[in-house]
N, C-alpha and C. Protein backbone atom coordinates (compact mmCIF):
# COMPACT_ATOMS: atom_id res chain seq x y z
N MET A 1 -30.35 99.07 257.22
CA MET A 1 -30.42 98.01 256.33
C MET A 1 -31.25 96.97 256.90
N TYR A 2 -32.29 96.48 255.99
CA TYR A 2 -33.35 95.44 256.41
C TYR A 2 -32.72 93.96 256.25
N PRO A 3 -33.07 93.27 257.13
CA PRO A 3 -32.66 91.73 257.18
C PRO A 3 -33.48 91.12 256.15
N SER A 4 -32.85 90.08 255.66
CA SER A 4 -33.48 89.42 254.52
C SER A 4 -34.50 88.60 254.98
N LEU A 5 -35.77 88.58 254.20
CA LEU A 5 -36.95 87.99 254.63
C LEU A 5 -36.80 86.46 254.23
N THR A 6 -35.97 86.09 253.59
CA THR A 6 -35.84 84.62 253.15
C THR A 6 -34.56 83.92 254.15
N ARG A 7 -34.18 84.65 254.92
CA ARG A 7 -33.19 84.06 255.98
C ARG A 7 -33.81 83.56 257.05
N PHE A 8 -33.49 82.38 257.66
CA PHE A 8 -33.92 81.79 258.75
C PHE A 8 -33.26 82.18 260.02
N PRO A 9 -33.95 82.34 261.12
CA PRO A 9 -33.31 82.65 262.30
C PRO A 9 -32.12 81.62 262.76
N GLY A 10 -30.93 82.03 263.07
CA GLY A 10 -30.16 81.19 263.49
C GLY A 10 -29.19 80.60 262.39
N ASP A 11 -29.45 81.14 261.28
CA ASP A 11 -28.55 80.86 260.06
C ASP A 11 -27.09 81.31 260.20
N LEU A 12 -26.36 80.37 260.58
CA LEU A 12 -24.91 80.57 261.08
C LEU A 12 -24.16 81.31 259.91
N PHE A 13 -24.24 80.73 258.72
CA PHE A 13 -23.57 81.28 257.48
C PHE A 13 -23.97 82.52 257.20
N ALA A 14 -25.21 82.95 257.32
CA ALA A 14 -25.74 84.14 256.87
C ALA A 14 -25.24 85.21 257.99
N GLU A 15 -25.17 84.74 258.96
CA GLU A 15 -24.74 85.69 260.09
C GLU A 15 -23.18 86.09 259.99
N PHE A 16 -22.40 85.20 259.59
CA PHE A 16 -21.10 85.42 259.34
C PHE A 16 -21.02 86.20 258.14
N GLU A 17 -21.83 85.96 257.07
CA GLU A 17 -21.78 86.88 255.91
C GLU A 17 -22.11 88.41 256.25
N GLY A 18 -22.99 88.61 257.06
CA GLY A 18 -23.50 89.86 257.49
C GLY A 18 -22.27 90.46 258.21
N LEU A 19 -21.60 89.77 259.08
CA LEU A 19 -20.50 90.23 259.85
C LEU A 19 -19.27 90.61 259.14
N GLN A 20 -19.11 89.90 257.98
CA GLN A 20 -18.05 90.26 256.99
C GLN A 20 -18.37 91.51 256.31
N ARG A 21 -19.54 91.68 255.86
CA ARG A 21 -19.80 93.07 255.07
C ARG A 21 -19.76 94.07 256.08
N GLN A 22 -20.17 93.91 257.32
CA GLN A 22 -19.91 95.14 258.37
C GLN A 22 -18.46 95.35 258.57
N ILE A 23 -17.63 94.39 258.66
CA ILE A 23 -16.23 94.63 258.77
C ILE A 23 -15.58 95.37 257.53
N GLU A 24 -16.11 94.95 256.44
CA GLU A 24 -15.38 95.60 254.95
C GLU A 24 -15.86 96.97 255.03
N ASN A 25 -17.30 97.21 255.31
CA ASN A 25 -17.60 98.69 255.41
C ASN A 25 -16.84 99.52 256.32
N ALA A 26 -16.71 98.90 257.64
CA ALA A 26 -16.02 99.72 258.62
C ALA A 26 -14.66 100.06 258.35
N PHE A 27 -13.95 99.17 257.61
CA PHE A 27 -12.68 99.37 257.50
C PHE A 27 -12.26 99.79 256.04
N GLY A 28 -13.33 99.73 255.23
CA GLY A 28 -13.11 100.24 253.88
C GLY A 28 -12.38 99.19 252.83
N LEU A 29 -12.62 97.96 253.25
CA LEU A 29 -11.88 96.92 252.53
C LEU A 29 -12.79 96.45 251.30
N SER A 30 -12.05 96.04 250.18
CA SER A 30 -12.88 95.80 249.12
C SER A 30 -13.15 94.37 249.23
N GLN A 31 -14.14 93.79 248.32
CA GLN A 31 -14.54 92.48 248.00
C GLN A 31 -13.35 91.47 247.76
N TRP A 32 -13.38 90.27 248.11
CA TRP A 32 -12.38 89.38 247.41
C TRP A 32 -12.60 89.37 246.17
N PRO A 33 -11.58 89.07 245.36
CA PRO A 33 -11.73 88.77 243.92
C PRO A 33 -12.51 87.51 243.48
N SER A 34 -13.09 87.56 242.31
CA SER A 34 -14.12 86.82 241.90
C SER A 34 -13.60 85.45 241.62
N SER A 35 -12.30 85.47 241.28
CA SER A 35 -11.66 83.96 241.10
C SER A 35 -10.14 84.12 241.36
N ILE A 36 -9.59 82.96 241.31
CA ILE A 36 -8.21 82.83 241.54
C ILE A 36 -7.30 83.73 240.85
N ARG A 37 -7.66 83.93 239.52
CA ARG A 37 -7.00 84.55 238.57
C ARG A 37 -7.45 86.08 238.56
N ALA A 38 -8.23 86.54 239.26
CA ALA A 38 -8.68 88.02 239.36
C ALA A 38 -7.91 88.74 240.21
N ALA A 39 -7.94 90.09 240.08
CA ALA A 39 -7.13 90.84 240.91
C ALA A 39 -8.39 91.71 241.60
N SER A 40 -7.87 92.57 242.68
CA SER A 40 -8.76 93.01 243.70
C SER A 40 -9.55 94.22 242.85
N ARG A 41 -10.68 94.66 243.27
CA ARG A 41 -11.37 95.62 242.68
C ARG A 41 -10.67 97.10 242.35
N GLY A 42 -10.90 97.62 241.33
CA GLY A 42 -10.02 99.00 241.20
C GLY A 42 -8.84 98.77 240.45
N ALA A 43 -8.49 97.48 240.19
CA ALA A 43 -7.27 97.24 239.11
C ALA A 43 -7.61 97.61 237.78
N PHE A 44 -6.56 98.31 237.07
CA PHE A 44 -7.01 98.87 235.70
C PHE A 44 -5.96 98.12 234.82
N PRO A 45 -6.48 97.70 233.55
CA PRO A 45 -7.91 97.66 233.35
C PRO A 45 -8.52 96.47 233.68
N ALA A 46 -9.85 96.70 234.05
CA ALA A 46 -10.67 95.63 234.44
C ALA A 46 -10.73 94.52 233.36
N ILE A 47 -10.63 93.22 233.51
CA ILE A 47 -10.69 92.11 232.52
C ILE A 47 -11.94 91.19 232.97
N ASN A 48 -12.19 90.59 231.91
CA ASN A 48 -13.11 89.44 231.90
C ASN A 48 -12.29 88.17 231.01
N MET A 49 -12.27 87.19 231.47
CA MET A 49 -11.46 85.95 231.02
C MET A 49 -12.29 84.80 230.88
N GLY A 50 -12.29 84.28 229.65
CA GLY A 50 -13.13 82.92 229.55
C GLY A 50 -12.53 82.01 228.55
N VAL A 51 -13.04 80.94 228.66
CA VAL A 51 -12.59 79.89 227.52
C VAL A 51 -13.93 79.25 226.76
N THR A 52 -13.31 79.25 225.26
CA THR A 52 -14.29 78.66 224.45
C THR A 52 -13.62 77.09 224.18
N GLU A 53 -14.24 76.45 223.16
CA GLU A 53 -13.56 75.24 222.52
C GLU A 53 -12.39 75.50 221.85
N GLN A 54 -12.45 76.59 221.29
CA GLN A 54 -11.27 77.04 220.37
C GLN A 54 -10.32 77.95 220.78
N ALA A 55 -10.50 78.83 221.93
CA ALA A 55 -9.43 79.72 222.32
C ALA A 55 -9.89 80.23 223.83
N ILE A 56 -8.80 80.94 224.41
CA ILE A 56 -9.04 81.73 225.51
C ILE A 56 -9.27 83.12 224.97
N GLU A 57 -10.19 83.70 225.74
CA GLU A 57 -10.52 85.23 225.34
C GLU A 57 -10.61 85.95 226.59
N ILE A 58 -9.91 87.12 226.17
CA ILE A 58 -9.92 88.13 227.52
C ILE A 58 -10.29 89.52 226.81
N TYR A 59 -11.09 90.02 227.67
CA TYR A 59 -11.62 91.30 227.41
C TYR A 59 -11.02 92.32 228.42
N ALA A 60 -10.23 93.36 228.04
CA ALA A 60 -9.93 94.29 229.02
C ALA A 60 -10.60 95.68 228.72
N PHE A 61 -11.20 96.23 229.65
CA PHE A 61 -11.95 97.34 229.43
C PHE A 61 -11.18 98.58 229.64
N ALA A 62 -10.73 99.42 228.75
CA ALA A 62 -9.64 100.43 228.97
C ALA A 62 -10.06 101.51 227.97
N PRO A 63 -11.15 102.25 228.18
CA PRO A 63 -11.66 103.30 227.58
C PRO A 63 -10.62 104.73 227.52
N GLY A 64 -10.61 105.31 226.31
CA GLY A 64 -9.81 106.38 226.32
C GLY A 64 -8.35 106.27 226.13
N LEU A 65 -7.92 104.98 225.67
CA LEU A 65 -6.53 104.66 225.41
C LEU A 65 -6.32 104.77 223.88
N ASP A 66 -5.02 105.16 223.62
CA ASP A 66 -4.41 104.90 222.14
C ASP A 66 -4.12 103.57 222.08
N PRO A 67 -4.89 102.92 221.22
CA PRO A 67 -4.28 101.55 220.86
C PRO A 67 -2.93 101.15 220.45
N ALA A 68 -2.27 102.04 219.81
CA ALA A 68 -0.73 101.98 219.55
C ALA A 68 0.01 102.07 220.80
N LYS A 69 -0.38 102.66 221.89
CA LYS A 69 0.21 102.78 223.07
C LYS A 69 0.09 101.71 224.08
N ILE A 70 -0.76 100.85 223.49
CA ILE A 70 -1.09 99.49 224.52
C ILE A 70 0.08 98.38 224.22
N ASP A 71 0.76 97.94 225.17
CA ASP A 71 1.86 96.86 225.01
C ASP A 71 1.04 95.50 225.48
N VAL A 72 0.84 94.53 224.59
CA VAL A 72 0.64 93.33 224.82
C VAL A 72 1.52 92.29 224.67
N GLN A 73 2.03 91.59 225.81
CA GLN A 73 3.01 90.57 225.51
C GLN A 73 2.78 89.28 226.33
N VAL A 74 3.16 88.26 225.68
CA VAL A 74 3.03 86.80 226.19
C VAL A 74 4.26 86.16 226.29
N ASP A 75 4.59 85.75 227.66
CA ASP A 75 5.83 85.06 227.85
C ASP A 75 5.83 84.20 229.13
N LYS A 76 6.16 82.94 228.72
CA LYS A 76 6.15 81.66 229.90
C LYS A 76 4.98 81.68 230.47
N GLY A 77 3.76 81.77 229.61
CA GLY A 77 2.55 81.44 230.20
C GLY A 77 1.91 82.65 230.91
N LEU A 78 2.53 83.92 230.82
CA LEU A 78 1.96 84.99 231.44
C LEU A 78 1.60 86.08 230.26
N LEU A 79 0.47 86.54 230.34
CA LEU A 79 -0.03 87.64 229.38
C LEU A 79 0.13 89.01 230.26
N THR A 80 0.99 89.87 229.65
CA THR A 80 1.15 91.24 230.33
C THR A 80 0.48 92.35 229.58
N LEU A 81 -0.26 93.18 230.10
CA LEU A 81 -0.91 94.17 229.44
C LEU A 81 -0.46 95.52 230.36
N SER A 82 0.11 96.37 229.26
CA SER A 82 0.73 97.59 230.09
C SER A 82 0.56 98.96 229.12
N GLY A 83 0.92 99.96 229.74
CA GLY A 83 0.57 101.37 229.10
C GLY A 83 0.43 102.33 229.88
N GLU A 84 -0.10 103.60 229.42
CA GLU A 84 -0.46 104.69 230.21
C GLU A 84 -1.63 105.31 229.79
N ARG A 85 -2.47 105.68 230.69
CA ARG A 85 -3.66 106.57 230.51
C ARG A 85 -3.07 108.03 230.94
N PRO A 86 -3.15 108.95 229.96
CA PRO A 86 -2.36 110.26 230.13
C PRO A 86 -3.44 110.96 231.04
N VAL A 87 -3.12 112.01 231.98
CA VAL A 87 -3.87 112.69 232.85
C VAL A 87 -4.54 113.84 232.17
N GLU A 88 -5.87 114.11 232.37
CA GLU A 88 -6.59 115.00 231.24
C GLU A 88 -6.43 116.51 232.15
N ALA A 89 -5.96 117.16 231.46
CA ALA A 89 -5.91 118.54 231.90
C ALA A 89 -7.15 119.30 232.31
N ALA A 90 -7.26 120.09 233.42
CA ALA A 90 -8.50 120.51 233.59
C ALA A 90 -8.73 121.65 232.89
N LYS A 91 -10.23 121.55 232.46
CA LYS A 91 -10.60 122.90 231.59
C LYS A 91 -10.52 124.22 232.26
N ASP A 92 -10.91 124.28 233.41
CA ASP A 92 -10.93 125.62 234.33
C ASP A 92 -10.02 125.24 235.48
N GLU A 93 -9.04 126.09 235.71
CA GLU A 93 -8.17 126.11 236.74
C GLU A 93 -8.89 126.36 238.07
N LYS A 94 -10.03 127.24 238.13
CA LYS A 94 -10.64 127.46 239.27
C LYS A 94 -11.74 126.58 239.71
N ALA A 95 -11.95 125.67 238.77
CA ALA A 95 -12.93 124.46 239.26
C ALA A 95 -12.59 123.84 240.27
N SER A 96 -13.34 123.39 241.44
CA SER A 96 -13.19 122.37 242.33
C SER A 96 -13.71 121.03 241.96
N VAL A 97 -12.75 120.06 242.24
CA VAL A 97 -13.10 118.57 241.89
C VAL A 97 -13.63 118.03 243.15
N TYR A 98 -14.82 117.37 242.87
CA TYR A 98 -15.50 116.54 243.98
C TYR A 98 -15.31 115.16 243.92
N ALA A 99 -15.02 114.77 242.85
CA ALA A 99 -14.80 113.17 242.93
C ALA A 99 -13.80 113.00 241.58
N ASP A 100 -12.81 112.33 241.75
CA ASP A 100 -11.70 111.94 240.75
C ASP A 100 -11.68 110.29 240.95
N GLU A 101 -12.53 109.58 240.29
CA GLU A 101 -12.57 108.13 240.22
C GLU A 101 -11.79 107.76 239.05
N ARG A 102 -11.60 108.15 238.06
CA ARG A 102 -10.92 107.66 236.87
C ARG A 102 -9.40 107.60 237.08
N PHE A 103 -8.94 106.20 236.53
CA PHE A 103 -7.58 105.98 236.78
C PHE A 103 -6.97 106.69 235.78
N ASN A 104 -5.74 107.41 236.14
CA ASN A 104 -4.59 108.05 235.32
C ASN A 104 -3.27 107.33 235.53
N GLY A 105 -2.53 107.47 234.61
CA GLY A 105 -1.03 106.95 234.85
C GLY A 105 -0.80 105.79 234.33
N ALA A 106 0.57 105.21 234.59
CA ALA A 106 0.99 103.94 234.07
C ALA A 106 0.22 102.82 234.73
N PHE A 107 0.15 101.85 234.08
CA PHE A 107 -0.62 100.58 234.53
C PHE A 107 0.00 99.47 233.83
N ARG A 108 -0.09 98.20 234.50
CA ARG A 108 0.35 97.03 234.22
C ARG A 108 -0.42 95.86 234.80
N ARG A 109 -1.02 95.02 233.94
CA ARG A 109 -1.71 93.77 234.62
C ARG A 109 -1.10 92.58 234.00
N VAL A 110 -0.79 91.53 234.65
CA VAL A 110 -0.24 90.27 234.31
C VAL A 110 -1.35 89.25 234.73
N VAL A 111 -1.80 88.37 233.54
CA VAL A 111 -2.72 87.33 233.70
C VAL A 111 -1.82 85.97 233.60
N SER A 112 -2.15 85.07 234.41
CA SER A 112 -1.64 83.72 234.05
C SER A 112 -2.63 83.03 233.12
N LEU A 113 -1.95 82.44 232.13
CA LEU A 113 -2.68 81.61 231.06
C LEU A 113 -2.69 79.99 231.38
N PRO A 114 -3.91 79.41 230.78
CA PRO A 114 -3.92 78.11 230.95
C PRO A 114 -2.82 77.40 230.24
N GLU A 115 -2.49 76.18 230.50
CA GLU A 115 -1.24 75.47 229.92
C GLU A 115 -1.60 75.22 228.39
N ASP A 116 -2.90 75.17 228.13
CA ASP A 116 -3.15 74.82 226.63
C ASP A 116 -3.10 75.91 225.55
N ALA A 117 -2.75 77.06 226.15
CA ALA A 117 -2.75 78.35 225.43
C ALA A 117 -1.58 78.30 224.43
N ASP A 118 -1.90 78.65 223.12
CA ASP A 118 -0.90 78.63 222.01
C ASP A 118 -0.52 80.23 221.82
N ALA A 119 0.65 80.43 222.58
CA ALA A 119 1.19 81.90 222.77
C ALA A 119 1.68 82.32 221.39
N SER A 120 1.95 81.53 220.30
CA SER A 120 2.50 81.79 218.87
C SER A 120 1.41 82.52 218.05
N ARG A 121 0.08 82.46 218.53
CA ARG A 121 -0.86 82.79 217.68
C ARG A 121 -1.83 83.92 218.30
N VAL A 122 -1.26 84.62 219.09
CA VAL A 122 -2.32 85.59 219.87
C VAL A 122 -2.67 86.66 218.92
N GLU A 123 -3.96 87.23 219.09
CA GLU A 123 -4.61 88.31 218.29
C GLU A 123 -5.14 89.23 219.20
N ALA A 124 -4.79 90.40 218.95
CA ALA A 124 -5.55 91.65 219.69
C ALA A 124 -6.16 92.50 218.92
N THR A 125 -7.44 92.98 219.35
CA THR A 125 -8.17 94.09 218.84
C THR A 125 -8.66 95.06 219.79
N TYR A 126 -8.75 96.35 219.34
CA TYR A 126 -9.15 97.45 220.28
C TYR A 126 -10.32 98.21 219.58
N ARG A 127 -11.60 97.99 220.05
CA ARG A 127 -12.70 98.69 219.57
C ARG A 127 -13.59 99.18 220.82
N ASN A 128 -14.09 100.37 220.50
CA ASN A 128 -15.04 101.09 221.46
C ASN A 128 -14.43 100.93 222.88
N GLY A 129 -13.13 101.15 223.34
CA GLY A 129 -12.68 101.04 224.63
C GLY A 129 -12.50 99.68 225.18
N VAL A 130 -12.58 98.62 224.18
CA VAL A 130 -12.42 97.42 224.81
C VAL A 130 -11.37 96.64 224.06
N LEU A 131 -10.45 96.25 224.71
CA LEU A 131 -9.17 95.30 224.18
C LEU A 131 -9.63 93.83 224.20
N LYS A 132 -9.71 93.24 223.24
CA LYS A 132 -10.12 91.77 223.01
C LYS A 132 -8.72 91.13 222.63
N ILE A 133 -8.44 90.08 223.45
CA ILE A 133 -7.21 89.50 223.17
C ILE A 133 -7.79 87.84 222.93
N SER A 134 -7.40 87.33 221.90
CA SER A 134 -7.83 85.99 221.65
C SER A 134 -6.52 85.04 221.50
N ILE A 135 -6.57 84.08 222.36
CA ILE A 135 -5.35 83.04 222.33
C ILE A 135 -5.79 81.69 221.97
N PRO A 136 -5.72 81.18 220.76
CA PRO A 136 -6.16 80.03 220.41
C PRO A 136 -5.49 78.82 221.35
N LYS A 137 -6.19 77.81 221.35
CA LYS A 137 -5.77 76.44 222.24
C LYS A 137 -4.86 75.74 221.18
N ARG A 138 -3.96 74.88 221.83
CA ARG A 138 -3.23 74.19 220.96
C ARG A 138 -4.02 72.97 220.53
N GLU A 139 -3.80 72.47 219.21
CA GLU A 139 -4.58 71.53 218.57
C GLU A 139 -4.59 70.17 219.39
N ALA A 140 -3.32 69.92 220.17
CA ALA A 140 -3.54 68.79 220.87
C ALA A 140 -4.39 68.68 222.19
N SER A 141 -4.78 69.78 222.49
CA SER A 141 -5.68 69.85 223.81
C SER A 141 -7.15 70.23 223.27
N ARG A 142 -7.36 70.39 221.99
CA ARG A 142 -8.78 70.44 221.51
C ARG A 142 -9.40 69.10 221.52
N PRO A 143 -10.80 68.99 221.85
CA PRO A 143 -11.53 67.80 221.89
C PRO A 143 -11.73 67.50 220.33
N LYS A 144 -11.56 66.11 219.93
CA LYS A 144 -11.78 65.53 218.63
C LYS A 144 -12.70 64.44 218.64
N ARG A 145 -13.34 64.50 217.55
CA ARG A 145 -14.43 63.40 217.46
C ARG A 145 -13.65 62.36 216.83
N ILE A 146 -13.76 61.32 217.29
CA ILE A 146 -13.33 59.96 216.81
C ILE A 146 -14.54 59.12 215.97
N GLU A 147 -14.32 58.83 214.97
CA GLU A 147 -15.22 58.09 214.05
C GLU A 147 -14.99 56.59 214.56
N VAL A 148 -16.18 55.88 214.96
CA VAL A 148 -16.28 54.49 215.21
C VAL A 148 -16.57 53.86 214.03
N ARG A 149 -15.67 52.95 213.55
CA ARG A 149 -15.85 52.00 212.44
C ARG A 149 -16.39 50.76 212.67
N SER A 150 -17.23 50.14 211.91
CA SER A 150 -17.70 48.72 212.13
C SER A 150 -17.11 47.74 211.18
């Protein structure tokens, strides 16, 4: 591995970052989650979560699932995604498997929702392997334009 050409000698933070990468590689540790709401790498389904002015939007990347068998529930500020990805039978019993990285089996992901989420109006759609969950914000929490009269 080549050291960065933009790094200055004696850059203490860069040295710590390099040491952290070496320790993670040596012990097979995964990277830290990208945010406080995120799970560690390898969690299934992988999700992206964001907020617009109107809603909280969650995208769960779950290809190969039957949408009818995905369970989406909201209770007490927690969104729960659960289901099962069936194990695909091998086509040839004599074939050797060199890599098996695809997740199979039962899964469950729980995501904490912001306080302004309106759990009574959740919408979920599944298309091309992506489950989109849209949770509108409560009217009281949305920004409002106030007209100033003279």
